[in-house]
């Protein structure tokens, strides 16, 4: 007999040599194994009071402490967060997302997202079936600034999604890395997947998904290189993982790169976005300036 899922619960293990995630999937069949793994990785499920890996082999007498996060609201709440709109028509919105703003709500982050801000300005977005990600067709990391396009209606959303699937969207980034990268242009091609040693990180792994990144040196500054990056695939943390893998870590990136005394987040800015608009079917390219904190970082390196 399975136990109904409750907000807080302690289970005592009566068998050994079974993986934690498999044990929980059996106890809670209404939850996907991937969802249970995420709860383990985020520390909501402990064994004997300690955070553990999803692959932990349980022993008889182990105590599993389950502390679930509060349920997400039925729909995101509109919040009057300032936004910079680069372009808008009846079908789409192109926004210059600031660093520090998560794209959409998640169980551990329900407020202060781009979706909350968009709902305040465009209440009709609440009509989308996916209430947590209305109109969202792609994402940027929380601490990456720059251009995103959002659909205003279902037909526009499907039109945009197909372009991302076909890899016909141009995605250009300005990135600052440690070291003088040579040659001045090149391609990084290596598969990306979850880091087996730390499931919260991504890494170059043989069984990962194909990923391809092109770069062009724009300028050498002190012992750093300002790059223009074009991603041909859209893997999680792709730019940061690829550059770290070839020995040129992103400045300010506390996960894969190198900490900075003059920048509080990674120097990655999505400055160029090109695609066909649903209204006309014609290709259009949008650009935006570097965010103020990134401009200040460049001045620190090269005051002149």
C-alpha atoms as a PDB file:
ATOM      1  CA  UNK A   1       0.000   0.000   0.000  1.00  0.00           C
ATOM      2  CA  UNK A   2       1.384   3.420  -0.919  1.00  0.00           C
ATOM      3  CA  UNK A   3       1.467   6.350   1.471  1.00  0.00           C
ATOM      4  CA  UNK A   4      -0.262   9.584   0.381  1.00  0.00           C
ATOM      5  CA  UNK A   5       2.181  12.427  -0.020  1.00  0.00           C
ATOM      6  CA  UNK A   6       2.139  14.917   2.850  1.00  0.00           C
ATOM      7  CA  UNK A   7       4.011  18.135   3.457  1.00  0.00           C
ATOM      8  CA  UNK A   8       6.270  16.677   6.172  1.00  0.00           C
ATOM      9  CA  UNK A   9       6.901  12.973   6.726  1.00  0.00           C
ATOM     10  CA  UNK A  10       9.528  10.545   8.060  1.00  0.00           C
ATOM     11  CA  UNK A  11       9.900   7.077   6.542  1.00  0.00           C
ATOM     12  CA  UNK A  12      11.923   4.301   8.162  1.00  0.00           C
ATOM     13  CA  UNK A  13      13.630   1.975   5.673  1.00  0.00           C
ATOM     14  CA  UNK A  14      13.021  -1.762   6.125  1.00  0.00           C
ATOM     15  CA  UNK A  15      15.211  -3.059   3.314  1.00  0.00           C
ATOM     16  CA  UNK A  16      18.721  -2.387   2.046  1.00  0.00           C
ATOM     17  CA  UNK A  17      20.665  -1.982  -1.225  1.00  0.00           C
ATOM     18  CA  UNK A  18      17.932   0.006  -2.980  1.00  0.00           C
ATOM     19  CA  UNK A  19      18.569   3.473  -4.433  1.00  0.00           C
ATOM     20  CA  UNK A  20      16.896   6.354  -2.643  1.00  0.00           C
ATOM     21  CA  UNK A  21      15.135   7.675  -5.763  1.00  0.00           C
ATOM     22  CA  UNK A  22      13.824   4.209  -6.677  1.00  0.00           C
ATOM     23  CA  UNK A  23      12.551   3.696  -3.137  1.00  0.00           C
ATOM     24  CA  UNK A  24      10.682   7.002  -3.173  1.00  0.00           C
ATOM     25  CA  UNK A  25       9.264   6.389  -6.658  1.00  0.00           C
ATOM     26  CA  UNK A  26       7.753   3.171  -5.357  1.00  0.00           C
ATOM     27  CA  UNK A  27       6.332   4.850  -2.252  1.00  0.00           C
ATOM     28  CA  UNK A  28       4.896   7.780  -4.214  1.00  0.00           C
ATOM     29  CA  UNK A  29       3.763   6.542  -7.648  1.00  0.00           C
ATOM     30  CA  UNK A  30       1.891   9.779  -8.370  1.00  0.00           C
ATOM     31  CA  UNK A  31       5.198  11.649  -8.589  1.00  0.00           C
ATOM     32  CA  UNK A  32       7.637  11.231 -11.468  1.00  0.00           C
ATOM     33  CA  UNK A  33      11.084   9.955 -10.611  1.00  0.00           C
ATOM     34  CA  UNK A  34      12.659  13.097 -12.074  1.00  0.00           C
ATOM     35  CA  UNK A  35      10.535  15.274  -9.759  1.00  0.00           C
ATOM     36  CA  UNK A  36      11.593  13.225  -6.727  1.00  0.00           C
ATOM     37  CA  UNK A  37      15.240  13.467  -7.838  1.00  0.00           C
ATOM     38  CA  UNK A  38      14.918  17.253  -8.025  1.00  0.00           C
ATOM     39  CA  UNK A  39      13.507  17.363  -4.479  1.00  0.00           C
ATOM     40  CA  UNK A  40      16.487  15.301  -3.281  1.00  0.00           C
ATOM     41  CA  UNK A  41      18.979  17.536  -5.116  1.00  0.00           C
ATOM     42  CA  UNK A  42      17.403  20.682  -3.657  1.00  0.00           C
ATOM     43  CA  UNK A  43      17.579  19.362  -0.089  1.00  0.00           C
ATOM     44  CA  UNK A  44      13.878  18.781   0.535  1.00  0.00           C
ATOM     45  CA  UNK A  45      14.508  15.071   1.148  1.00  0.00           C
ATOM     46  CA  UNK A  46      17.186  14.063   3.683  1.00  0.00           C
ATOM     47  CA  UNK A  47      18.481  10.727   4.895  1.00  0.00           C
ATOM     48  CA  UNK A  48      19.380  10.555   8.585  1.00  0.00           C
ATOM     49  CA  UNK A  49      19.258  14.356   8.641  1.00  0.00           C
ATOM     50  CA  UNK A  50      21.810  14.834   5.831  1.00  0.00           C
ATOM     51  CA  UNK A  51      21.625  15.929   2.189  1.00  0.00           C
ATOM     52  CA  UNK A  52      22.509  13.003  -0.068  1.00  0.00           C
ATOM     53  CA  UNK A  53      22.751  12.009  -3.724  1.00  0.00           C
ATOM     54  CA  UNK A  54      19.810  10.502  -5.550  1.00  0.00           C
ATOM     55  CA  UNK A  55      21.872   7.349  -6.119  1.00  0.00           C
ATOM     56  CA  UNK A  56      22.431   6.696  -2.390  1.00  0.00           C
ATOM     57  CA  UNK A  57      21.962   3.002  -1.500  1.00  0.00           C
ATOM     58  CA  UNK A  58      19.695   2.769   1.530  1.00  0.00           C
ATOM     59  CA  UNK A  59      20.233   0.541   4.557  1.00  0.00           C
ATOM     60  CA  UNK A  60      17.756  -0.983   6.991  1.00  0.00           C
ATOM     61  CA  UNK A  61      16.923   1.569   9.673  1.00  0.00           C
ATOM     62  CA  UNK A  62      17.718   4.655   7.606  1.00  0.00           C
ATOM     63  CA  UNK A  63      15.269   7.475   8.251  1.00  0.00           C
ATOM     64  CA  UNK A  64      14.088   9.493   5.240  1.00  0.00           C
ATOM     65  CA  UNK A  65      12.944  13.000   6.174  1.00  0.00           C
ATOM     66  CA  UNK A  66      10.597  14.523   3.598  1.00  0.00           C
ATOM     67  CA  UNK A  67      10.008  18.279   3.846  1.00  0.00           C
ATOM     68  CA  UNK A  68       8.159  19.414   0.765  1.00  0.00           C
ATOM     69  CA  UNK A  69       8.189  23.042  -0.404  1.00  0.00           C
ATOM     70  CA  UNK A  70       4.845  24.835  -0.301  1.00  0.00           C
ATOM     71  CA  UNK A  71       2.740  24.155  -3.395  1.00  0.00           C
ATOM     72  CA  UNK A  72       2.947  26.640  -6.197  1.00  0.00           C
ATOM     73  CA  UNK A  73      -0.034  28.937  -6.583  1.00  0.00           C
ATOM     74  CA  UNK A  74      -2.599  28.000  -9.219  1.00  0.00           C
ATOM     75  CA  UNK A  75      -1.298  30.867 -11.333  1.00  0.00           C
ATOM     76  CA  UNK A  76       1.546  33.408 -11.049  1.00  0.00           C
ATOM     77  CA  UNK A  77       0.782  36.763  -9.476  1.00  0.00           C
ATOM     78  CA  UNK A  78       1.257  39.928 -11.518  1.00  0.00           C
ATOM     79  CA  UNK A  79       4.010  42.138 -10.094  1.00  0.00           C
ATOM     80  CA  UNK A  80       4.901  45.677 -11.256  1.00  0.00           C
ATOM     81  CA  UNK A  81       8.566  44.910 -12.007  1.00  0.00           C
ATOM     82  CA  UNK A  82      10.166  47.403 -14.442  1.00  0.00           C
ATOM     83  CA  UNK A  83      10.851  46.028 -17.928  1.00  0.00           C
ATOM     84  CA  UNK A  84      12.678  47.347 -20.977  1.00  0.00           C
ATOM     85  CA  UNK A  85      10.626  46.529 -24.077  1.00  0.00           C
ATOM     86  CA  UNK A  86      12.723  46.530 -27.263  1.00  0.00           C
ATOM     87  CA  UNK A  87       9.924  45.637 -29.690  1.00  0.00           C
ATOM     88  CA  UNK A  88       6.218  44.849 -29.564  1.00  0.00           C
ATOM     89  CA  UNK A  89       3.434  43.998 -32.003  1.00  0.00           C
ATOM     90  CA  UNK A  90       0.155  42.079 -31.817  1.00  0.00           C
ATOM     91  CA  UNK A  91       1.956  38.722 -31.628  1.00  0.00           C
ATOM     92  CA  UNK A  92       5.218  39.134 -29.745  1.00  0.00           C
ATOM     93  CA  UNK A  93       7.156  41.097 -27.156  1.00  0.00           C
ATOM     94  CA  UNK A  94      10.954  41.436 -27.256  1.00  0.00           C
ATOM     95  CA  UNK A  95      12.284  42.298 -23.822  1.00  0.00           C
ATOM     96  CA  UNK A  96      15.767  43.160 -22.552  1.00  0.00           C
ATOM     97  CA  UNK A  97      15.805  40.944 -19.446  1.00  0.00           C
ATOM     98  CA  UNK A  98      17.916  42.295 -16.575  1.00  0.00           C
ATOM     99  CA  UNK A  99      20.331  40.063 -14.680  1.00  0.00           C
ATOM    100  CA  UNK A 100      18.953  38.683 -11.427  1.00  0.00           C
ATOM    101  CA  UNK A 101      15.495  37.991 -12.863  1.00  0.00           C
ATOM    102  CA  UNK A 102      14.470  34.350 -13.280  1.00  0.00           C
ATOM    103  CA  UNK A 103      12.398  33.738 -16.410  1.00  0.00           C
ATOM    104  CA  UNK A 104       9.422  31.876 -14.906  1.00  0.00           C
ATOM    105  CA  UNK A 105       8.189  30.684 -11.491  1.00  0.00           C
ATOM    106  CA  UNK A 106       9.397  27.344 -10.076  1.00  0.00           C
ATOM    107  CA  UNK A 107       8.459  25.523  -6.842  1.00  0.00           C
ATOM    108  CA  UNK A 108      11.303  27.231  -5.015  1.00  0.00           C
ATOM    109  CA  UNK A 109      10.966  30.622  -6.684  1.00  0.00           C
ATOM    110  CA  UNK A 110       7.372  31.763  -7.126  1.00  0.00           C
ATOM    111  CA  UNK A 111       7.710  35.540  -7.329  1.00  0.00           C
ATOM    112  CA  UNK A 112       9.917  38.228  -8.857  1.00  0.00           C
ATOM    113  CA  UNK A 113      10.271  36.537 -12.271  1.00  0.00           C
ATOM    114  CA  UNK A 114       9.963  37.783 -15.820  1.00  0.00           C
ATOM    115  CA  UNK A 115       6.553  36.097 -16.057  1.00  0.00           C
ATOM    116  CA  UNK A 116       5.300  37.994 -12.992  1.00  0.00           C
ATOM    117  CA  UNK A 117       6.482  41.240 -14.600  1.00  0.00           C
ATOM    118  CA  UNK A 118       4.925  40.427 -17.978  1.00  0.00           C
ATOM    119  CA  UNK A 119       1.553  39.572 -16.424  1.00  0.00           C
ATOM    120  CA  UNK A 120       1.414  43.005 -14.808  1.00  0.00           C
ATOM    121  CA  UNK A 121       1.968  44.694 -18.153  1.00  0.00           C
ATOM    122  CA  UNK A 122       0.118  42.199 -20.386  1.00  0.00           C
ATOM    123  CA  UNK A 123      -2.744  40.643 -18.352  1.00  0.00           C
ATOM    124  CA  UNK A 124      -4.018  38.714 -21.397  1.00  0.00           C
ATOM    125  CA  UNK A 125      -1.004  36.388 -21.078  1.00  0.00           C
ATOM    126  CA  UNK A 126      -2.889  34.715 -18.229  1.00  0.00           C
ATOM    127  CA  UNK A 127      -5.104  33.077 -20.890  1.00  0.00           C
ATOM    128  CA  UNK A 128      -2.321  30.663 -21.898  1.00  0.00           C
ATOM    129  CA  UNK A 129      -2.889  27.050 -20.891  1.00  0.00           C
ATOM    130  CA  UNK A 130       0.601  26.847 -19.352  1.00  0.00           C
ATOM    131  CA  UNK A 131      -0.032  29.380 -16.598  1.00  0.00           C
ATOM    132  CA  UNK A 132       3.497  29.169 -15.193  1.00  0.00           C
ATOM    133  CA  UNK A 133       5.199  29.888 -18.536  1.00  0.00           C
ATOM    134  CA  UNK A 134       2.701  31.910 -20.586  1.00  0.00           C
ATOM    135  CA  UNK A 135       4.175  32.792 -23.957  1.00  0.00           C
ATOM    136  CA  UNK A 136       7.673  31.621 -23.021  1.00  0.00           C
ATOM    137  CA  UNK A 137       9.532  29.939 -25.900  1.00  0.00           C
ATOM    138  CA  UNK A 138      13.152  30.085 -24.659  1.00  0.00           C
ATOM    139  CA  UNK A 139      15.081  31.015 -21.541  1.00  0.00           C
ATOM    140  CA  UNK A 140      18.115  32.865 -20.247  1.00  0.00           C
ATOM    141  CA  UNK A 141      19.902  32.023 -17.008  1.00  0.00           C
ATOM    142  CA  UNK A 142      18.857  34.132 -14.038  1.00  0.00           C
ATOM    143  CA  UNK A 143      22.143  36.058 -14.041  1.00  0.00           C
ATOM    144  CA  UNK A 144      22.359  36.448 -17.817  1.00  0.00           C
ATOM    145  CA  UNK A 145      21.016  39.712 -19.212  1.00  0.00           C
ATOM    146  CA  UNK A 146      19.699  40.445 -22.673  1.00  0.00           C
ATOM    147  CA  UNK A 147      17.091  39.756 -25.315  1.00  0.00           C
ATOM    148  CA  UNK A 148      14.169  37.360 -25.039  1.00  0.00           C
ATOM    149  CA  UNK A 149      11.100  37.052 -27.235  1.00  0.00           C
ATOM    150  CA  UNK A 150       7.711  36.200 -25.719  1.00  0.00           C
ATOM    151  CA  UNK A 151       4.562  35.193 -27.612  1.00  0.00           C
ATOM    152  CA  UNK A 152       1.273  37.000 -26.990  1.00  0.00           C
ATOM    153  CA  UNK A 153      -0.965  34.221 -28.325  1.00  0.00           C
ATOM    154  CA  UNK A 154      -0.936  30.479 -29.000  1.00  0.00           C
ATOM    155  CA  UNK A 155      -0.412  30.670 -32.757  1.00  0.00           C
ATOM    156  CA  UNK A 156       2.562  33.024 -32.330  1.00  0.00           C
ATOM    157  CA  UNK A 157       4.002  30.735 -29.665  1.00  0.00           C
ATOM    158  CA  UNK A 158       3.880  27.694 -31.959  1.00  0.00           C
ATOM    159  CA  UNK A 159       5.398  29.732 -34.808  1.00  0.00           C
ATOM    160  CA  UNK A 160       8.336  30.724 -32.594  1.00  0.00           C
ATOM    161  CA  UNK A 161       8.789  27.287 -31.017  1.00  0.00           C
ATOM    162  CA  UNK A 162       9.163  25.724 -34.458  1.00  0.00           C
ATOM    163  CA  UNK A 163      11.993  28.132 -35.316  1.00  0.00           C
ATOM    164  CA  UNK A 164      13.859  27.220 -32.143  1.00  0.00           C
ATOM    165  CA  UNK A 165      13.366  23.523 -32.946  1.00  0.00           C
ATOM    166  CA  UNK A 166      14.671  24.092 -36.471  1.00  0.00           C
ATOM    167  CA  UNK A 167      17.673  26.025 -35.082  1.00  0.00           C
ATOM    168  CA  UNK A 168      16.903  28.892 -37.437  1.00  0.00           C
ATOM    169  CA  UNK A 169      17.029  31.502 -34.655  1.00  0.00           C
ATOM    170  CA  UNK A 170      20.196  33.622 -34.385  1.00  0.00           C
ATOM    171  CA  UNK A 171      21.346  33.957 -30.768  1.00  0.00           C
ATOM    172  CA  UNK A 172      24.348  36.225 -30.250  1.00  0.00           C
ATOM    173  CA  UNK A 173      26.067  36.898 -26.926  1.00  0.00           C
ATOM    174  CA  UNK A 174      28.847  39.118 -25.623  1.00  0.00           C
ATOM    175  CA  UNK A 175      31.012  37.198 -23.152  1.00  0.00           C
ATOM    176  CA  UNK A 176      34.158  38.105 -21.205  1.00  0.00           C
ATOM    177  CA  UNK A 177      36.575  35.295 -20.387  1.00  0.00           C
ATOM    178  CA  UNK A 178      39.820  35.005 -18.447  1.00  0.00           C
ATOM    179  CA  UNK A 179      42.904  34.657 -20.646  1.00  0.00           C
ATOM    180  CA  UNK A 180      43.777  35.573 -24.233  1.00  0.00           C
ATOM    181  CA  UNK A 181      41.794  33.173 -26.371  1.00  0.00           C
ATOM    182  CA  UNK A 182      43.405  32.076 -29.649  1.00  0.00           C
ATOM    183  CA  UNK A 183      42.795  31.553 -32.486  1.00  0.00           C
ATOM    184  CA  UNK A 184      40.602  34.618 -32.926  1.00  0.00           C
ATOM    185  CA  UNK A 185      37.641  32.544 -34.095  1.00  0.00           C
ATOM    186  CA  UNK A 186      36.630  28.940 -33.735  1.00  0.00           C
ATOM    187  CA  UNK A 187      33.973  26.393 -32.832  1.00  0.00           C
ATOM    188  CA  UNK A 188      33.532  24.391 -29.648  1.00  0.00           C
ATOM    189  CA  UNK A 189      31.660  21.142 -30.172  1.00  0.00           C
ATOM    190  CA  UNK A 190      31.180  18.830 -27.191  1.00  0.00           C
ATOM    191  CA  UNK A 191      28.157  17.039 -25.659  1.00  0.00           C
ATOM    192  CA  UNK A 192      26.643  18.520 -22.498  1.00  0.00           C
ATOM    193  CA  UNK A 193      24.761  16.706 -19.752  1.00  0.00           C
ATOM    194  CA  UNK A 194      24.362  16.576 -15.985  1.00  0.00           C
ATOM    195  CA  UNK A 195      27.640  16.373 -14.088  1.00  0.00           C
ATOM    196  CA  UNK A 196      27.722  12.845 -12.588  1.00  0.00           C
ATOM    197  CA  UNK A 197      29.623  14.213  -9.563  1.00  0.00           C
ATOM    198  CA  UNK A 198      27.180  17.094  -8.947  1.00  0.00           C
ATOM    199  CA  UNK A 199      23.698  16.885 -10.414  1.00  0.00           C
ATOM    200  CA  UNK A 200      23.149  20.617  -9.954  1.00  0.00           C
ATOM    201  CA  UNK A 201      25.864  21.351 -12.531  1.00  0.00           C
ATOM    202  CA  UNK A 202      26.273  20.638 -16.211  1.00  0.00           C
ATOM    203  CA  UNK A 203      29.434  19.176 -17.730  1.00  0.00           C
ATOM    204  CA  UNK A 204      31.003  17.746 -20.876  1.00  0.00           C
ATOM    205  CA  UNK A 205      29.889  14.117 -20.792  1.00  0.00           C
ATOM    206  CA  UNK A 206      30.033  11.491 -23.537  1.00  0.00           C
ATOM    207  CA  UNK A 207      26.371  10.569 -23.100  1.00  0.00           C
ATOM    208  CA  UNK A 208      25.276  14.226 -23.094  1.00  0.00           C
ATOM    209  CA  UNK A 209      23.316  16.082 -25.790  1.00  0.00           C
ATOM    210  CA  UNK A 210      25.087  17.500 -28.834  1.00  0.00           C
ATOM    211  CA  UNK A 211      26.155  21.120 -28.312  1.00  0.00           C
ATOM    212  CA  UNK A 212      27.924  23.536 -30.657  1.00  0.00           C
ATOM    213  CA  UNK A 213      29.214  27.049 -29.888  1.00  0.00           C
ATOM    214  CA  UNK A 214      30.941  29.455 -32.293  1.00  0.00           C
ATOM    215  CA  UNK A 215      33.106  32.333 -31.050  1.00  0.00           C
ATOM    216  CA  UNK A 216      34.832  35.403 -32.489  1.00  0.00           C
ATOM    217  CA  UNK A 217      37.314  37.543 -30.556  1.00  0.00           C
ATOM    218  CA  UNK A 218      36.159  41.160 -30.398  1.00  0.00           C
ATOM    219  CA  UNK A 219      38.871  42.598 -28.172  1.00  0.00           C
ATOM    220  CA  UNK A 220      41.713  41.686 -25.822  1.00  0.00           C
ATOM    221  CA  UNK A 221      41.505  43.562 -22.502  1.00  0.00           C
ATOM    222  CA  UNK A 222      44.324  43.120 -19.995  1.00  0.00           C
ATOM    223  CA  UNK A 223      44.470  39.326 -19.498  1.00  0.00           C
ATOM    224  CA  UNK A 224      40.870  38.856 -20.653  1.00  0.00           C
ATOM    225  CA  UNK A 225      39.093  38.387 -23.967  1.00  0.00           C
ATOM    226  CA  UNK A 226      35.781  39.889 -25.011  1.00  0.00           C
ATOM    227  CA  UNK A 227      34.015  37.410 -27.283  1.00  0.00           C
ATOM    228  CA  UNK A 228      31.048  37.396 -29.589  1.00  0.00           C
ATOM    229  CA  UNK A 229      29.361  34.012 -29.185  1.00  0.00           C
ATOM    230  CA  UNK A 230      26.754  32.374 -31.408  1.00  0.00           C
ATOM    231  CA  UNK A 231      25.116  29.238 -30.041  1.00  0.00           C
ATOM    232  CA  UNK A 232      23.914  26.755 -32.641  1.00  0.00           C
ATOM    233  CA  UNK A 233      22.237  24.627 -29.971  1.00  0.00           C
ATOM    234  CA  UNK A 234      20.479  25.657 -26.762  1.00  0.00           C
ATOM    235  CA  UNK A 235      21.784  23.443 -23.969  1.00  0.00           C
ATOM    236  CA  UNK A 236      21.603  24.445 -20.301  1.00  0.00           C
ATOM    237  CA  UNK A 237      24.618  26.618 -19.354  1.00  0.00           C
ATOM    238  CA  UNK A 238      26.121  25.844 -22.776  1.00  0.00           C
ATOM    239  CA  UNK A 239      28.344  28.914 -23.167  1.00  0.00           C
ATOM    240  CA  UNK A 240      29.743  28.752 -19.649  1.00  0.00           C
ATOM    241  CA  UNK A 241      30.405  25.001 -19.773  1.00  0.00           C
ATOM    242  CA  UNK A 242      32.038  25.068 -23.214  1.00  0.00           C
ATOM    243  CA  UNK A 243      34.343  27.996 -22.442  1.00  0.00           C
ATOM    244  CA  UNK A 244      35.387  26.509 -19.103  1.00  0.00           C
ATOM    245  CA  UNK A 245      36.122  23.205 -20.854  1.00  0.00           C
ATOM    246  CA  UNK A 246      38.666  24.813 -23.216  1.00  0.00           C
ATOM    247  CA  UNK A 247      40.386  26.680 -20.374  1.00  0.00           C
ATOM    248  CA  UNK A 248      38.844  30.149 -20.756  1.00  0.00           C
ATOM    249  CA  UNK A 249      36.365  30.534 -17.867  1.00  0.00           C
ATOM    250  CA  UNK A 250      33.717  33.245 -17.932  1.00  0.00           C
ATOM    251  CA  UNK A 251      34.475  36.211 -15.689  1.00  0.00           C
ATOM    252  CA  UNK A 252      32.120  36.447 -12.704  1.00  0.00           C
ATOM    253  CA  UNK A 253      30.760  32.904 -13.158  1.00  0.00           C
ATOM    254  CA  UNK A 254      30.806  31.345  -9.684  1.00  0.00           C
ATOM    255  CA  UNK A 255      29.801  27.879 -10.928  1.00  0.00           C
ATOM    256  CA  UNK A 256      32.004  27.119 -13.937  1.00  0.00           C
ATOM    257  CA  UNK A 257      34.156  30.228 -14.292  1.00  0.00           C
ATOM    258  CA  UNK A 258      36.170  32.563 -12.134  1.00  0.00           C
ATOM    259  CA  UNK A 259      35.040  34.946  -9.402  1.00  0.00           C
ATOM    260  CA  UNK A 260      35.517  38.642 -10.002  1.00  0.00           C
ATOM    261  CA  UNK A 261      36.251  41.559  -7.676  1.00  0.00           C
ATOM    262  CA  UNK A 262      34.556  43.990 -10.076  1.00  0.00           C
ATOM    263  CA  UNK A 263      31.503  42.008 -11.210  1.00  0.00           C
ATOM    264  CA  UNK A 264      28.846  40.265  -9.104  1.00  0.00           C
ATOM    265  CA  UNK A 265      27.515  37.929 -11.843  1.00  0.00           C
ATOM    266  CA  UNK A 266      28.696  36.177 -14.992  1.00  0.00           C
ATOM    267  CA  UNK A 267      29.657  38.361 -17.928  1.00  0.00           C
ATOM    268  CA  UNK A 268      27.167  36.912 -20.418  1.00  0.00           C
ATOM    269  CA  UNK A 269      24.826  39.213 -22.326  1.00  0.00           C
ATOM    270  CA  UNK A 270      22.371  38.148 -25.039  1.00  0.00           C
ATOM    271  CA  UNK A 271      22.809  41.204 -27.251  1.00  0.00           C
ATOM    272  CA  UNK A 272      21.477  39.864 -30.590  1.00  0.00           C
ATOM    273  CA  UNK A 273      18.343  37.883 -31.472  1.00  0.00           C
ATOM    274  CA  UNK A 274      17.237  37.179 -35.019  1.00  0.00           C
ATOM    275  CA  UNK A 275      14.162  35.298 -36.234  1.00  0.00           C
ATOM    276  CA  UNK A 276      11.083  35.460 -38.425  1.00  0.00           C
ATOM    277  CA  UNK A 277       8.180  37.370 -36.933  1.00  0.00           C
ATOM    278  CA  UNK A 278       4.754  35.657 -36.846  1.00  0.00           C
ATOM    279  CA  UNK A 279       3.006  38.771 -38.155  1.00  0.00           C
ATOM    280  CA  UNK A 280       4.901  38.908 -41.452  1.00  0.00           C
ATOM    281  CA  UNK A 281       6.995  35.755 -41.683  1.00  0.00           C
ATOM    282  CA  UNK A 282       9.979  37.992 -42.448  1.00  0.00           C
ATOM    283  CA  UNK A 283      13.339  37.709 -40.703  1.00  0.00           C
ATOM    284  CA  UNK A 284      14.122  40.498 -38.254  1.00  0.00           C
ATOM    285  CA  UNK A 285      17.141  41.030 -36.033  1.00  0.00           C
ATOM    286  CA  UNK A 286      17.090  42.817 -32.672  1.00  0.00           C
ATOM    287  CA  UNK A 287      20.044  44.109 -30.672  1.00  0.00           C
ATOM    288  CA  UNK A 288      20.552  45.762 -27.291  1.00  0.00           C
ATOM    289  CA  UNK A 289      23.399  47.503 -25.481  1.00  0.00           C
ATOM    290  CA  UNK A 290      25.496  45.919 -22.773  1.00  0.00           C
ATOM    291  CA  UNK A 291      23.949  46.077 -19.314  1.00  0.00           C
ATOM    292  CA  UNK A 292      25.370  48.901 -17.127  1.00  0.00           C
ATOM    293  CA  UNK A 293      27.249  46.566 -14.767  1.00  0.00           C
ATOM    294  CA  UNK A 294      28.971  44.897 -17.712  1.00  0.00           C
ATOM    295  CA  UNK A 295      29.953  48.250 -19.207  1.00  0.00           C
ATOM    296  CA  UNK A 296      31.435  49.178 -15.841  1.00  0.00           C
ATOM    297  CA  UNK A 297      33.403  45.933 -15.775  1.00  0.00           C
ATOM    298  CA  UNK A 298      34.981  46.732 -19.140  1.00  0.00           C
ATOM    299  CA  UNK A 299      35.907  50.222 -17.914  1.00  0.00           C
ATOM    300  CA  UNK A 300      37.614  48.632 -14.915  1.00  0.00           C
ATOM    301  CA  UNK A 301      39.772  46.538 -17.243  1.00  0.00           C
ATOM    302  CA  UNK A 302      40.422  49.281 -19.777  1.00  0.00           C
ATOM    303  CA  UNK A 303      39.832  52.765 -18.283  1.00  0.00           C
ATOM    304  CA  UNK A 304      40.894  54.487 -21.493  1.00  0.00           C
END
